[in-house]
Amino acid sequence: MDVSDIAYDAFLINGHEQQFLPAKPRDRIRMRLINAGAATYFFVHSAFPEITIVAADGNEVRPHKTNRLLMGMGETYDIIVTMADSGSCEIRATAQDVSGHASLMLGSGAARMAGDIVRPNYYSMDHMVAQSLDMNDDPLHPNASPYKHLRALHKTGYGKKHPTRSIDLHLTGDMERYRWSFNDKTLYEESTILMKRGEVLRINLVNDSMMHHPIHLHGHFFRMINEAGAYSPLKHTVDLPPMRAGTIEFLTNELGDWFFHSHLLYHMDAGMARVISYDDQEADHRPNLGPSAYEPWY
């Protein structure tokens, strides 16, 4: 299995390895968690009895209580926590490879700490397989990405007035050759997915690799199809665990060209990206990829 691309020296919250924020006893606090890392998934857990998720990627969802979640790069969650009658409480973001963490302390006084996450056995695939099979009793990844529990407050479907088109995108690549791609083709080999205005584009994502991938779409919110059906939540970034598949769909109601890519910086630069391009532009239109148009490897 592959967990991390880079060995980092420190992990930060708002620029600090440990941050302190004031809070009064019994305060109810809402905060927005943003994974702004370039290449690090974070487990978020805390010393609170529970945290309540109330929004995902800026879109409100039915409140869901949990004690741990996995955040891919680019994802955001709004959470609510309630302070105890006294003391301070830690919210901790631990790197997925458990090589370090950043810490937020809320309140003052005697500190309640979140505790350590068990370091994975890097020579065993057991916990990756358990997560791929959606086994919630896996001791390392209980309730990892909370997707199956997310439910929009209102119906998010597009009705039958828009034609629907489906495409399959396989997430392909590995660490050994360090070549990352969609459908075994990098951005430099196949750059563009054409869209017709007013259609619902459904993308079936299949992760054929041994790593998690956070897939991000610019300019649109997509429906992340889950157990909520008509109330599937709206997001702009979705995590695909190893050997797992997921479906997203969105209404093509914008203009021009939009980037669609892995939010792991080094995988994006290595080629796991496409341009979503509206087909009603000039007849000879080609997306301007900038430096990404050139093969970077020697």
C-alpha atoms as a PDB file:
ATOM      1  CA  MET A   1       0.000   0.000   0.000  1.00  0.00           C
ATOM      2  CA  ASP A   2       1.003   3.641  -0.417  1.00  0.00           C
ATOM      3  CA  VAL A   3       0.058   6.226   2.182  1.00  0.00           C
ATOM      4  CA  SER A   4       2.204   9.338   1.704  1.00  0.00           C
ATOM      5  CA  ASP A   5       4.308  10.901  -1.034  1.00  0.00           C
ATOM      6  CA  ILE A   6       6.340  13.252   1.154  1.00  0.00           C
ATOM      7  CA  ALA A   7       7.892  12.973   4.626  1.00  0.00           C
ATOM      8  CA  TYR A   8       7.140  16.290   6.301  1.00  0.00           C
ATOM      9  CA  ASP A   9       8.851  17.825   9.328  1.00  0.00           C
ATOM     10  CA  ALA A  10       5.724  19.446  10.785  1.00  0.00           C
ATOM     11  CA  PHE A  11       1.978  19.801  10.373  1.00  0.00           C
ATOM     12  CA  LEU A  12       0.262  23.104  11.060  1.00  0.00           C
ATOM     13  CA  ILE A  13      -3.089  24.637  12.021  1.00  0.00           C
ATOM     14  CA  ASN A  14      -3.293  28.251  10.824  1.00  0.00           C
ATOM     15  CA  GLY A  15       0.510  28.278  10.640  1.00  0.00           C
ATOM     16  CA  HIS A  16       1.166  26.796  14.092  1.00  0.00           C
ATOM     17  CA  GLU A  17       1.892  23.284  15.308  1.00  0.00           C
ATOM     18  CA  GLN A  18      -0.315  24.101  18.300  1.00  0.00           C
ATOM     19  CA  GLN A  19      -2.884  26.885  18.380  1.00  0.00           C
ATOM     20  CA  PHE A  20      -4.902  28.191  21.329  1.00  0.00           C
ATOM     21  CA  LEU A  21      -8.338  29.786  20.937  1.00  0.00           C
ATOM     22  CA  PRO A  22     -10.530  31.216  23.707  1.00  0.00           C
ATOM     23  CA  ALA A  23     -13.782  29.524  24.650  1.00  0.00           C
ATOM     24  CA  LYS A  24     -16.074  29.800  27.653  1.00  0.00           C
ATOM     25  CA  PRO A  25     -17.577  26.873  29.584  1.00  0.00           C
ATOM     26  CA  ARG A  26     -20.645  25.424  27.846  1.00  0.00           C
ATOM     27  CA  ASP A  27     -20.001  27.512  24.717  1.00  0.00           C
ATOM     28  CA  ARG A  28     -21.346  25.979  21.537  1.00  0.00           C
ATOM     29  CA  ILE A  29     -18.777  26.620  18.815  1.00  0.00           C
ATOM     30  CA  ARG A  30     -19.041  26.254  15.051  1.00  0.00           C
ATOM     31  CA  MET A  31     -15.845  26.109  13.048  1.00  0.00           C
ATOM     32  CA  ARG A  32     -14.883  25.356   9.468  1.00  0.00           C
ATOM     33  CA  LEU A  33     -12.145  22.777   8.997  1.00  0.00           C
ATOM     34  CA  ILE A  34     -10.216  23.147   5.727  1.00  0.00           C
ATOM     35  CA  ASN A  35      -7.599  20.680   4.568  1.00  0.00           C
ATOM     36  CA  ALA A  36      -5.228  23.134   2.922  1.00  0.00           C
ATOM     37  CA  GLY A  37      -2.368  20.652   2.694  1.00  0.00           C
ATOM     38  CA  ALA A  38      -0.605  19.962  -0.588  1.00  0.00           C
ATOM     39  CA  ALA A  39      -0.240  16.216  -0.100  1.00  0.00           C
ATOM     40  CA  THR A  40      -1.559  15.146   3.326  1.00  0.00           C
ATOM     41  CA  TYR A  41      -4.790  13.476   4.306  1.00  0.00           C
ATOM     42  CA  PHE A  42      -5.735  14.246   7.910  1.00  0.00           C
ATOM     43  CA  PHE A  43      -7.668  12.312  10.503  1.00  0.00           C
ATOM     44  CA  VAL A  44      -9.574  14.853  12.616  1.00  0.00           C
ATOM     45  CA  HIS A  45     -10.471  13.675  16.101  1.00  0.00           C
ATOM     46  CA  SER A  46     -10.873  15.341  19.461  1.00  0.00           C
ATOM     47  CA  ALA A  47     -11.249  15.031  23.200  1.00  0.00           C
ATOM     48  CA  PHE A  48     -14.905  16.087  22.895  1.00  0.00           C
ATOM     49  CA  PRO A  49     -17.415  13.263  23.386  1.00  0.00           C
ATOM     50  CA  GLU A  50     -18.555  13.970  19.829  1.00  0.00           C
ATOM     51  CA  ILE A  51     -18.331  16.470  17.019  1.00  0.00           C
ATOM     52  CA  THR A  52     -21.332  17.308  14.852  1.00  0.00           C
ATOM     53  CA  ILE A  53     -20.875  17.785  11.100  1.00  0.00           C
ATOM     54  CA  VAL A  54     -23.315  20.400   9.771  1.00  0.00           C
ATOM     55  CA  ALA A  55     -21.830  21.258   6.354  1.00  0.00           C
ATOM     56  CA  ALA A  56     -19.558  19.673   3.751  1.00  0.00           C
ATOM     57  CA  ASP A  57     -17.613  21.804   1.253  1.00  0.00           C
ATOM     58  CA  GLY A  58     -19.726  24.783   2.335  1.00  0.00           C
ATOM     59  CA  ASN A  59     -23.103  23.092   1.746  1.00  0.00           C
ATOM     60  CA  GLU A  60     -25.309  22.383   4.743  1.00  0.00           C
ATOM     61  CA  VAL A  61     -26.134  18.784   5.571  1.00  0.00           C
ATOM     62  CA  ARG A  62     -28.314  17.086   8.123  1.00  0.00           C
ATOM     63  CA  PRO A  63     -26.346  17.152  11.409  1.00  0.00           C
ATOM     64  CA  HIS A  64     -24.268  14.005  11.851  1.00  0.00           C
ATOM     65  CA  LYS A  65     -22.468  13.122  15.075  1.00  0.00           C
ATOM     66  CA  THR A  66     -19.106  11.385  14.920  1.00  0.00           C
ATOM     67  CA  ASN A  67     -15.793  11.227  16.780  1.00  0.00           C
ATOM     68  CA  ARG A  68     -13.374  10.975  13.856  1.00  0.00           C
ATOM     69  CA  LEU A  69     -13.279  11.796  10.173  1.00  0.00           C
ATOM     70  CA  LEU A  70     -10.785  11.608   7.332  1.00  0.00           C
ATOM     71  CA  MET A  71     -10.289  14.770   5.273  1.00  0.00           C
ATOM     72  CA  GLY A  72      -8.817  14.802   1.790  1.00  0.00           C
ATOM     73  CA  MET A  73      -6.904  17.762   0.432  1.00  0.00           C
ATOM     74  CA  GLY A  74      -9.323  20.519  -0.558  1.00  0.00           C
ATOM     75  CA  GLU A  75     -12.234  19.204   1.514  1.00  0.00           C
ATOM     76  CA  THR A  76     -13.956  21.317   4.157  1.00  0.00           C
ATOM     77  CA  TYR A  77     -16.319  20.414   6.976  1.00  0.00           C
ATOM     78  CA  ASP A  78     -18.258  22.704   9.279  1.00  0.00           C
ATOM     79  CA  ILE A  79     -18.473  21.168  12.737  1.00  0.00           C
ATOM     80  CA  ILE A  80     -20.080  22.100  16.055  1.00  0.00           C
ATOM     81  CA  VAL A  81     -18.594  21.246  19.441  1.00  0.00           C
ATOM     82  CA  THR A  82     -19.868  22.039  22.940  1.00  0.00           C
ATOM     83  CA  MET A  83     -17.456  23.028  25.694  1.00  0.00           C
ATOM     84  CA  ALA A  84     -17.575  21.270  29.043  1.00  0.00           C
ATOM     85  CA  ASP A  85     -18.294  23.007  32.332  1.00  0.00           C
ATOM     86  CA  SER A  86     -14.575  23.660  32.819  1.00  0.00           C
ATOM     87  CA  GLY A  87     -11.168  23.168  31.252  1.00  0.00           C
ATOM     88  CA  SER A  88      -9.846  23.113  27.693  1.00  0.00           C
ATOM     89  CA  CYS A  89     -10.290  20.536  24.957  1.00  0.00           C
ATOM     90  CA  GLU A  90      -8.101  19.457  22.043  1.00  0.00           C
ATOM     91  CA  ILE A  91      -9.060  19.042  18.401  1.00  0.00           C
ATOM     92  CA  ARG A  92      -6.252  17.204  16.609  1.00  0.00           C
ATOM     93  CA  ALA A  93      -5.414  16.731  12.932  1.00  0.00           C
ATOM     94  CA  THR A  94      -3.207  13.661  12.482  1.00  0.00           C
ATOM     95  CA  ALA A  95      -1.490  12.912   9.187  1.00  0.00           C
ATOM     96  CA  GLN A  96      -2.850   9.760   7.540  1.00  0.00           C
ATOM     97  CA  ASP A  97       0.528   8.031   7.874  1.00  0.00           C
ATOM     98  CA  VAL A  98       0.508   8.993  11.592  1.00  0.00           C
ATOM     99  CA  SER A  99       3.912  10.658  11.255  1.00  0.00           C
ATOM    100  CA  GLY A 100       2.780  13.775  13.119  1.00  0.00           C
ATOM    101  CA  HIS A 101      -0.130  16.035  13.968  1.00  0.00           C
ATOM    102  CA  ALA A 102      -1.278  19.600  14.585  1.00  0.00           C
ATOM    103  CA  SER A 103      -3.297  20.577  17.618  1.00  0.00           C
ATOM    104  CA  LEU A 104      -5.988  23.146  18.407  1.00  0.00           C
ATOM    105  CA  MET A 105      -6.752  23.831  22.082  1.00  0.00           C
ATOM    106  CA  LEU A 106     -10.140  25.390  22.806  1.00  0.00           C
ATOM    107  CA  GLY A 107     -10.687  27.121  26.135  1.00  0.00           C
ATOM    108  CA  SER A 108      -8.426  27.363  29.164  1.00  0.00           C
ATOM    109  CA  GLY A 109      -7.651  25.379  32.280  1.00  0.00           C
ATOM    110  CA  ALA A 110      -7.059  21.661  32.691  1.00  0.00           C
ATOM    111  CA  ALA A 111      -6.522  20.138  29.256  1.00  0.00           C
ATOM    112  CA  ARG A 112      -8.317  17.112  27.854  1.00  0.00           C
ATOM    113  CA  MET A 113      -6.260  15.643  25.009  1.00  0.00           C
ATOM    114  CA  ALA A 114      -7.483  13.770  21.943  1.00  0.00           C
ATOM    115  CA  GLY A 115      -5.066  10.866  22.298  1.00  0.00           C
ATOM    116  CA  ASP A 116      -2.893   9.161  19.713  1.00  0.00           C
ATOM    117  CA  ILE A 117      -3.991   7.255  16.622  1.00  0.00           C
ATOM    118  CA  VAL A 118      -2.428   3.826  16.109  1.00  0.00           C
ATOM    119  CA  ARG A 119       0.345   3.891  13.525  1.00  0.00           C
ATOM    120  CA  PRO A 120      -0.519   1.665  10.538  1.00  0.00           C
ATOM    121  CA  ASN A 121       1.409  -1.465   9.685  1.00  0.00           C
ATOM    122  CA  TYR A 122       2.940  -0.338   6.406  1.00  0.00           C
ATOM    123  CA  TYR A 123       3.632  -3.944   5.362  1.00  0.00           C
ATOM    124  CA  SER A 124       0.018  -5.063   5.654  1.00  0.00           C
ATOM    125  CA  MET A 125      -2.908  -4.240   3.416  1.00  0.00           C
ATOM    126  CA  ASP A 126      -5.487  -5.266   6.011  1.00  0.00           C
ATOM    127  CA  HIS A 127      -6.767  -1.836   7.027  1.00  0.00           C
ATOM    128  CA  MET A 128      -6.847  -0.556   3.439  1.00  0.00           C
ATOM    129  CA  VAL A 129      -8.843  -3.610   2.375  1.00  0.00           C
ATOM    130  CA  ALA A 130     -11.188  -3.164   5.333  1.00  0.00           C
ATOM    131  CA  GLN A 131     -11.880   0.417   4.340  1.00  0.00           C
ATOM    132  CA  SER A 132     -12.347  -0.554   0.699  1.00  0.00           C
ATOM    133  CA  LEU A 133     -14.908  -3.128   1.763  1.00  0.00           C
ATOM    134  CA  ASP A 134     -16.607  -0.519   3.977  1.00  0.00           C
ATOM    135  CA  MET A 135     -16.052  -2.506   7.159  1.00  0.00           C
ATOM    136  CA  ASN A 136     -16.735  -0.038   9.959  1.00  0.00           C
ATOM    137  CA  ASP A 137     -15.181  -2.281  12.612  1.00  0.00           C
ATOM    138  CA  ASP A 138     -11.692  -1.716  11.181  1.00  0.00           C
ATOM    139  CA  PRO A 139      -9.716  -0.472  14.219  1.00  0.00           C
ATOM    140  CA  LEU A 140      -7.581   2.028  12.311  1.00  0.00           C
ATOM    141  CA  HIS A 141     -10.261   3.620  10.152  1.00  0.00           C
ATOM    142  CA  PRO A 142     -13.570   3.704  12.016  1.00  0.00           C
ATOM    143  CA  ASN A 143     -15.914   6.072  10.185  1.00  0.00           C
ATOM    144  CA  ALA A 144     -13.127   7.366   7.922  1.00  0.00           C
ATOM    145  CA  SER A 145     -14.697   9.643   5.313  1.00  0.00           C
ATOM    146  CA  PRO A 146     -18.236  10.262   6.649  1.00  0.00           C
ATOM    147  CA  TYR A 147     -19.783  10.123   3.166  1.00  0.00           C
ATOM    148  CA  LYS A 148     -22.402   7.453   3.737  1.00  0.00           C
ATOM    149  CA  HIS A 149     -23.916   9.585   6.520  1.00  0.00           C
ATOM    150  CA  LEU A 150     -24.053  12.907   4.634  1.00  0.00           C
ATOM    151  CA  ARG A 151     -27.536  13.995   3.607  1.00  0.00           C
ATOM    152  CA  ALA A 152     -28.462  17.339   2.033  1.00  0.00           C
ATOM    153  CA  LEU A 153     -31.215  19.371   3.682  1.00  0.00           C
ATOM    154  CA  HIS A 154     -33.119  19.602   0.382  1.00  0.00           C
ATOM    155  CA  LYS A 155     -33.390  17.443  -2.724  1.00  0.00           C
ATOM    156  CA  THR A 156     -30.432  17.958  -5.034  1.00  0.00           C
ATOM    157  CA  GLY A 157     -31.542  16.095  -8.174  1.00  0.00           C
ATOM    158  CA  TYR A 158     -31.871  17.766 -11.567  1.00  0.00           C
ATOM    159  CA  GLY A 159     -35.160  16.233 -12.724  1.00  0.00           C
ATOM    160  CA  LYS A 160     -35.822  14.679 -16.124  1.00  0.00           C
ATOM    161  CA  LYS A 161     -35.655  17.831 -18.248  1.00  0.00           C
ATOM    162  CA  HIS A 162     -31.886  17.524 -18.669  1.00  0.00           C
ATOM    163  CA  PRO A 163     -30.309  14.721 -20.717  1.00  0.00           C
ATOM    164  CA  THR A 164     -27.861  12.571 -18.754  1.00  0.00           C
ATOM    165  CA  ARG A 165     -24.549  11.277 -20.066  1.00  0.00           C
ATOM    166  CA  SER A 166     -22.184   8.938 -18.213  1.00  0.00           C
ATOM    167  CA  ILE A 167     -18.448   8.491 -18.554  1.00  0.00           C
ATOM    168  CA  ASP A 168     -16.019   6.235 -16.677  1.00  0.00           C
ATOM    169  CA  LEU A 169     -12.743   7.540 -15.295  1.00  0.00           C
ATOM    170  CA  HIS A 170     -10.278   5.109 -13.755  1.00  0.00           C
ATOM    171  CA  LEU A 171      -7.732   6.563 -11.317  1.00  0.00           C
ATOM    172  CA  THR A 172      -4.475   4.985 -12.418  1.00  0.00           C
ATOM    173  CA  GLY A 173      -0.828   5.107 -11.424  1.00  0.00           C
ATOM    174  CA  ASP A 174       1.660   3.971  -8.815  1.00  0.00           C
ATOM    175  CA  MET A 175       4.643   5.120  -6.766  1.00  0.00           C
ATOM    176  CA  GLU A 176       7.212   2.949  -8.517  1.00  0.00           C
ATOM    177  CA  ARG A 177       7.048   4.730 -11.842  1.00  0.00           C
ATOM    178  CA  TYR A 178       5.393   7.851 -10.375  1.00  0.00           C
ATOM    179  CA  ARG A 179       3.061   8.323 -13.289  1.00  0.00           C
ATOM    180  CA  TRP A 180      -0.474   9.331 -12.289  1.00  0.00           C
ATOM    181  CA  SER A 181      -3.355   9.512 -14.736  1.00  0.00           C
ATOM    182  CA  PHE A 182      -7.008   9.011 -15.626  1.00  0.00           C
ATOM    183  CA  ASN A 183      -7.705   5.929 -17.736  1.00  0.00           C
ATOM    184  CA  ASP A 184      -3.940   5.362 -18.028  1.00  0.00           C
ATOM    185  CA  LYS A 185      -3.501   8.654 -19.885  1.00  0.00           C
ATOM    186  CA  THR A 186      -1.955  11.779 -18.382  1.00  0.00           C
ATOM    187  CA  LEU A 187      -3.135  15.322 -18.952  1.00  0.00           C
ATOM    188  CA  TYR A 188      -0.420  15.693 -21.584  1.00  0.00           C
ATOM    189  CA  GLU A 189      -1.723  12.679 -23.490  1.00  0.00           C
ATOM    190  CA  GLU A 190      -5.460  13.388 -23.259  1.00  0.00           C
ATOM    191  CA  SER A 191      -6.324  16.785 -21.876  1.00  0.00           C
ATOM    192  CA  THR A 192     -10.014  17.453 -22.472  1.00  0.00           C
ATOM    193  CA  ILE A 193     -13.477  16.180 -21.611  1.00  0.00           C
ATOM    194  CA  LEU A 194     -16.038  17.942 -23.804  1.00  0.00           C
ATOM    195  CA  MET A 195     -19.421  18.903 -22.347  1.00  0.00           C
ATOM    196  CA  LYS A 196     -22.675  20.097 -23.863  1.00  0.00           C
ATOM    197  CA  ARG A 197     -24.431  22.913 -22.045  1.00  0.00           C
ATOM    198  CA  GLY A 198     -27.536  21.841 -20.155  1.00  0.00           C
ATOM    199  CA  GLU A 199     -26.694  18.166 -19.748  1.00  0.00           C
ATOM    200  CA  VAL A 200     -26.142  16.253 -16.542  1.00  0.00           C
ATOM    201  CA  LEU A 201     -22.666  14.751 -16.731  1.00  0.00           C
ATOM    202  CA  ARG A 202     -22.311  11.661 -14.565  1.00  0.00           C
ATOM    203  CA  ILE A 203     -18.739  10.555 -13.866  1.00  0.00           C
ATOM    204  CA  ASN A 204     -18.127   7.074 -12.515  1.00  0.00           C
ATOM    205  CA  LEU A 205     -14.796   7.185 -10.682  1.00  0.00           C
ATOM    206  CA  VAL A 206     -12.941   3.908 -10.131  1.00  0.00           C
ATOM    207  CA  ASN A 207      -9.742   3.933  -8.086  1.00  0.00           C
ATOM    208  CA  ASP A 208      -7.452   1.241  -9.502  1.00  0.00           C
ATOM    209  CA  SER A 209      -4.474   2.399  -7.441  1.00  0.00           C
ATOM    210  CA  MET A 210      -3.190   1.631  -3.949  1.00  0.00           C
ATOM    211  CA  MET A 211      -3.654   5.187  -2.634  1.00  0.00           C
ATOM    212  CA  HIS A 212      -6.455   7.512  -1.624  1.00  0.00           C
ATOM    213  CA  HIS A 213      -7.142  10.269  -4.167  1.00  0.00           C
ATOM    214  CA  PRO A 214      -9.031  13.524  -3.529  1.00  0.00           C
ATOM    215  CA  ILE A 215     -10.709  14.479  -6.821  1.00  0.00           C
ATOM    216  CA  HIS A 216     -11.689  18.139  -7.228  1.00  0.00           C
ATOM    217  CA  LEU A 217     -13.840  19.952  -9.802  1.00  0.00           C
ATOM    218  CA  HIS A 218     -13.481  23.686 -10.363  1.00  0.00           C
ATOM    219  CA  GLY A 219     -16.451  25.944 -11.039  1.00  0.00           C
ATOM    220  CA  HIS A 220     -19.247  23.506 -10.156  1.00  0.00           C
ATOM    221  CA  PHE A 221     -20.728  21.672  -7.209  1.00  0.00           C
ATOM    222  CA  PHE A 222     -21.456  18.030  -7.958  1.00  0.00           C
ATOM    223  CA  ARG A 223     -23.863  15.587  -6.372  1.00  0.00           C
ATOM    224  CA  MET A 224     -21.866  12.922  -4.563  1.00  0.00           C
ATOM    225  CA  ILE A 225     -24.195   9.950  -5.014  1.00  0.00           C
ATOM    226  CA  ASN A 226     -24.585   8.079  -1.724  1.00  0.00           C
ATOM    227  CA  GLU A 227     -27.173   6.318   0.419  1.00  0.00           C
ATOM    228  CA  ALA A 228     -29.204   9.552   0.655  1.00  0.00           C
ATOM    229  CA  GLY A 229     -30.487   9.140  -2.917  1.00  0.00           C
ATOM    230  CA  ALA A 230     -32.416  12.276  -3.908  1.00  0.00           C
ATOM    231  CA  TYR A 231     -30.777  14.046  -0.952  1.00  0.00           C
ATOM    232  CA  SER A 232     -27.217  13.188  -1.989  1.00  0.00           C
ATOM    233  CA  PRO A 233     -24.934  16.005  -0.769  1.00  0.00           C
ATOM    234  CA  LEU A 234     -23.329  18.678  -2.927  1.00  0.00           C
ATOM    235  CA  LYS A 235     -19.530  18.779  -2.826  1.00  0.00           C
ATOM    236  CA  HIS A 236     -16.586  19.962  -4.905  1.00  0.00           C
ATOM    237  CA  THR A 237     -14.010  17.396  -3.704  1.00  0.00           C
ATOM    238  CA  VAL A 238     -14.448  13.672  -3.174  1.00  0.00           C
ATOM    239  CA  ASP A 239     -12.088  11.104  -1.636  1.00  0.00           C
ATOM    240  CA  LEU A 240     -11.666   7.781  -3.450  1.00  0.00           C
ATOM    241  CA  PRO A 241     -10.046   5.090  -1.243  1.00  0.00           C
ATOM    242  CA  PRO A 242      -7.994   2.319  -2.868  1.00  0.00           C
ATOM    243  CA  MET A 243     -10.010  -0.203  -4.863  1.00  0.00           C
ATOM    244  CA  ARG A 244     -13.223   1.766  -4.385  1.00  0.00           C
ATOM    245  CA  ALA A 245     -15.626   3.356  -6.849  1.00  0.00           C
ATOM    246  CA  GLY A 246     -17.903   6.366  -6.544  1.00  0.00           C
ATOM    247  CA  THR A 247     -20.219   8.387  -8.752  1.00  0.00           C
ATOM    248  CA  ILE A 248     -20.595  12.137  -9.042  1.00  0.00           C
ATOM    249  CA  GLU A 249     -22.868  14.155 -11.335  1.00  0.00           C
ATOM    250  CA  PHE A 250     -23.363  17.834 -12.082  1.00  0.00           C
ATOM    251  CA  LEU A 251     -25.385  20.135 -14.317  1.00  0.00           C
ATOM    252  CA  THR A 252     -23.300  21.773 -17.051  1.00  0.00           C
ATOM    253  CA  ASN A 253     -24.485  25.351 -16.601  1.00  0.00           C
ATOM    254  CA  GLU A 254     -21.246  27.366 -16.710  1.00  0.00           C
ATOM    255  CA  LEU A 255     -18.975  28.781 -19.425  1.00  0.00           C
ATOM    256  CA  GLY A 256     -15.542  27.991 -20.790  1.00  0.00           C
ATOM    257  CA  ASP A 257     -12.946  25.589 -19.399  1.00  0.00           C
ATOM    258  CA  TRP A 258     -12.637  24.160 -15.880  1.00  0.00           C
ATOM    259  CA  PHE A 259      -9.920  22.073 -14.254  1.00  0.00           C
ATOM    260  CA  PHE A 260     -10.765  18.598 -12.905  1.00  0.00           C
ATOM    261  CA  HIS A 261      -7.898  16.978 -11.032  1.00  0.00           C
ATOM    262  CA  SER A 262      -6.412  15.140  -8.119  1.00  0.00           C
ATOM    263  CA  HIS A 263      -5.963  17.576  -5.234  1.00  0.00           C
ATOM    264  CA  LEU A 264      -2.724  15.842  -4.282  1.00  0.00           C
ATOM    265  CA  LEU A 265      -0.313  18.384  -5.770  1.00  0.00           C
ATOM    266  CA  TYR A 266       2.326  15.962  -7.011  1.00  0.00           C
ATOM    267  CA  HIS A 267      -0.191  13.583  -8.607  1.00  0.00           C
ATOM    268  CA  MET A 268      -1.864  16.499 -10.360  1.00  0.00           C
ATOM    269  CA  ASP A 269       1.472  17.682 -11.739  1.00  0.00           C
ATOM    270  CA  ALA A 270       2.333  14.143 -12.790  1.00  0.00           C
ATOM    271  CA  GLY A 271      -0.769  13.999 -14.964  1.00  0.00           C
ATOM    272  CA  MET A 272      -3.903  13.009 -13.002  1.00  0.00           C
ATOM    273  CA  ALA A 273      -6.001  15.829 -14.415  1.00  0.00           C
ATOM    274  CA  ARG A 274      -8.364  16.828 -17.203  1.00  0.00           C
ATOM    275  CA  VAL A 275      -9.986  20.020 -18.471  1.00  0.00           C
ATOM    276  CA  ILE A 276     -13.795  20.057 -18.519  1.00  0.00           C
ATOM    277  CA  SER A 277     -14.494  22.120 -21.654  1.00  0.00           C
ATOM    278  CA  TYR A 278     -17.826  23.432 -22.932  1.00  0.00           C
ATOM    279  CA  ASP A 279     -18.243  22.593 -26.606  1.00  0.00           C
ATOM    280  CA  ASP A 280     -19.993  25.861 -27.599  1.00  0.00           C
ATOM    281  CA  GLN A 281     -16.768  27.870 -27.765  1.00  0.00           C
ATOM    282  CA  GLU A 282     -14.909  28.776 -30.963  1.00  0.00           C
ATOM    283  CA  ALA A 283     -14.688  25.990 -33.529  1.00  0.00           C
ATOM    284  CA  ASP A 284     -10.915  25.728 -33.157  1.00  0.00           C
ATOM    285  CA  HIS A 285     -10.895  26.245 -29.383  1.00  0.00           C
ATOM    286  CA  ARG A 286      -8.248  24.416 -27.402  1.00  0.00           C
ATOM    287  CA  PRO A 287      -7.964  24.797 -23.609  1.00  0.00           C
ATOM    288  CA  ASN A 288      -4.955  26.838 -22.547  1.00  0.00           C
ATOM    289  CA  LEU A 289      -3.085  24.454 -20.285  1.00  0.00           C
ATOM    290  CA  GLY A 290      -0.158  26.802 -19.675  1.00  0.00           C
ATOM    291  CA  PRO A 291       2.983  25.001 -18.454  1.00  0.00           C
ATOM    292  CA  SER A 292       0.897  21.851 -17.903  1.00  0.00           C
ATOM    293  CA  ALA A 293       0.776  21.383 -21.675  1.00  0.00           C
ATOM    294  CA  TYR A 294       4.352  20.162 -21.618  1.00  0.00           C
ATOM    295  CA  GLU A 295       5.571  16.792 -20.427  1.00  0.00           C
ATOM    296  CA  PRO A 296       7.610  17.561 -17.282  1.00  0.00           C
ATOM    297  CA  TRP A 297       9.577  14.322 -16.997  1.00  0.00           C
ATOM    298  CA  TYR A 298      13.072  13.673 -18.326  1.00  0.00           C
END
